[in-house]
C-alpha atoms as a PDB file:
ATOM      1  CA  MET A   1      53.556  18.805  24.599  1.00  0.00           C
ATOM      2  CA  GLN A   2      52.130  15.402  24.815  1.00  0.00           C
ATOM      3  CA  ASP A   3      51.840  15.575  20.847  1.00  0.00           C
ATOM      4  CA  ARG A   4      55.411  16.748  20.227  1.00  0.00           C
ATOM      5  CA  ASP A   5      56.402  13.331  23.094  1.00  0.00           C
ATOM      6  CA  ALA A   6      54.326  11.382  20.707  1.00  0.00           C
ATOM      7  CA  ALA A   7      55.794  12.656  17.457  1.00  0.00           C
ATOM      8  CA  ALA A   8      59.790  12.052  18.898  1.00  0.00           C
ATOM      9  CA  ALA A   9      58.163   8.461  20.177  1.00  0.00           C
ATOM     10  CA  GLN A  10      57.309   7.536  16.244  1.00  0.00           C
ATOM     11  CA  PRO A  11      59.885   6.086  14.051  1.00  0.00           C
ATOM     12  CA  PHE A  12      60.887   8.110  10.910  1.00  0.00           C
ATOM     13  CA  THR A  13      59.839   6.624   7.728  1.00  0.00           C
ATOM     14  CA  LEU A  14      60.338   7.687   3.866  1.00  0.00           C
ATOM     15  CA  SER A  15      57.172   9.428   2.121  1.00  0.00           C
ATOM     16  CA  GLU A  16      56.097   8.919  -1.225  1.00  0.00           C
ATOM     17  CA  SER A  17      58.225  12.125  -2.217  1.00  0.00           C
ATOM     18  CA  HIS A  18      61.461  10.500  -0.907  1.00  0.00           C
ATOM     19  CA  CYS A  19      60.860   7.114  -2.425  1.00  0.00           C
ATOM     20  CA  SER A  20      60.288   8.785  -5.926  1.00  0.00           C
ATOM     21  CA  ILE A  21      63.662  10.846  -5.407  1.00  0.00           C
ATOM     22  CA  LEU A  22      65.624   7.495  -4.384  1.00  0.00           C
ATOM     23  CA  SER A  23      64.014   5.300  -7.382  1.00  0.00           C
ATOM     24  CA  GLY A  24      65.494   7.758  -9.571  1.00  0.00           C
ATOM     25  CA  ILE A  25      69.695   6.957  -8.593  1.00  0.00           C
ATOM     26  CA  GLU A  26      70.457   4.651 -10.811  1.00  0.00           C
ATOM     27  CA  SER A  27      73.417   3.178  -8.827  1.00  0.00           C
ATOM     28  CA  GLY A  28      72.397   0.652  -5.938  1.00  0.00           C
ATOM     29  CA  GLN A  29      75.186   1.711  -3.931  1.00  0.00           C
ATOM     30  CA  GLU A  30      74.426   5.335  -4.213  1.00  0.00           C
ATOM     31  CA  ARG A  31      70.823   4.856  -3.560  1.00  0.00           C
ATOM     32  CA  LEU A  32      71.348   3.509  -0.295  1.00  0.00           C
ATOM     33  CA  PHE A  33      73.923   5.647   1.131  1.00  0.00           C
ATOM     34  CA  TYR A  34      70.822   8.229  -0.002  1.00  0.00           C
ATOM     35  CA  GLU A  35      68.160   6.176   2.008  1.00  0.00           C
ATOM     36  CA  ASN A  36      70.595   5.514   5.416  1.00  0.00           C
ATOM     37  CA  GLU A  37      71.422   9.363   5.494  1.00  0.00           C
ATOM     38  CA  ALA A  38      67.563  10.642   4.757  1.00  0.00           C
ATOM     39  CA  ILE A  39      66.624   7.745   7.802  1.00  0.00           C
ATOM     40  CA  ARG A  40      69.547   8.625  10.069  1.00  0.00           C
ATOM     41  CA  GLN A  41      69.338  12.505  10.254  1.00  0.00           C
ATOM     42  CA  GLN A  42      65.477  12.609   9.161  1.00  0.00           C
ATOM     43  CA  TRP A  43      65.613  14.612   6.391  1.00  0.00           C
ATOM     44  CA  THR A  44      62.335  15.776   4.459  1.00  0.00           C
ATOM     45  CA  ALA A  45      62.107  15.093   0.502  1.00  0.00           C
ATOM     46  CA  GLN A  46      63.535  18.886  -0.797  1.00  0.00           C
ATOM     47  CA  GLU A  47      66.469  18.261   1.923  1.00  0.00           C
ATOM     48  CA  LEU A  48      67.306  14.905   0.560  1.00  0.00           C
ATOM     49  CA  GLN A  49      66.890  15.937  -3.130  1.00  0.00           C
ATOM     50  CA  ARG A  50      68.978  19.412  -1.631  1.00  0.00           C
ATOM     51  CA  TYR A  51      71.897  16.984  -1.153  1.00  0.00           C
ATOM     52  CA  TYR A  52      71.404  14.806  -3.826  1.00  0.00           C
ATOM     53  CA  ASP A  53      71.969  17.696  -6.097  1.00  0.00           C
ATOM     54  CA  TYR A  54      75.250  18.649  -4.137  1.00  0.00           C
ATOM     55  CA  ASP A  55      76.286  15.633  -4.604  1.00  0.00           C
ATOM     56  CA  LEU A  56      77.192  14.602  -1.269  1.00  0.00           C
ATOM     57  CA  PHE A  57      77.619  10.907  -2.240  1.00  0.00           C
ATOM     58  CA  GLY A  58      80.546  12.200  -4.447  1.00  0.00           C
ATOM     59  CA  ARG A  59      81.627  14.323  -2.355  1.00  0.00           C
ATOM     60  CA  TYR A  60      81.716  11.810   0.888  1.00  0.00           C
ATOM     61  CA  SER A  61      83.433   9.632  -1.224  1.00  0.00           C
ATOM     62  CA  ILE A  62      86.203  10.863  -1.487  1.00  0.00           C
ATOM     63  CA  SER A  63      86.221  13.220   1.294  1.00  0.00           C
ATOM     64  CA  CYS A  64      89.380  12.845   3.788  1.00  0.00           C
ATOM     65  CA  ASP A  65      87.310  13.889   6.870  1.00  0.00           C
ATOM     66  CA  LYS A  66      83.805  12.188   6.534  1.00  0.00           C
ATOM     67  CA  ASP A  67      82.921  12.783   9.725  1.00  0.00           C
ATOM     68  CA  ALA A  68      83.388  16.602   9.287  1.00  0.00           C
ATOM     69  CA  LEU A  69      81.564  16.744   5.997  1.00  0.00           C
ATOM     70  CA  MET A  70      78.494  14.978   7.544  1.00  0.00           C
ATOM     71  CA  ARG A  71      78.447  17.206  10.074  1.00  0.00           C
ATOM     72  CA  THR A  72      78.258  20.324   7.548  1.00  0.00           C
ATOM     73  CA  VAL A  73      75.022  18.468   6.894  1.00  0.00           C
ATOM     74  CA  GLY A  74      73.805  17.750   9.983  1.00  0.00           C
ATOM     75  CA  LYS A  75      70.745  19.056  11.272  1.00  0.00           C
END
């Protein structure tokens, strides 16, 4: 139990794998979106790649109900 509490107390940080994925995104606005969401939702690098491949940024940009869209990708 103490290990779980200690892990929960640690802030989420992006790994080298996260940074590698993010560095391949040319648009600064799009890269910032994925970086913020990865931190906020504590995505693994694999999840970040999946949502990038899914074009979450593009879908979010044109969505009329952004909150509903983000609930579909939340953990």
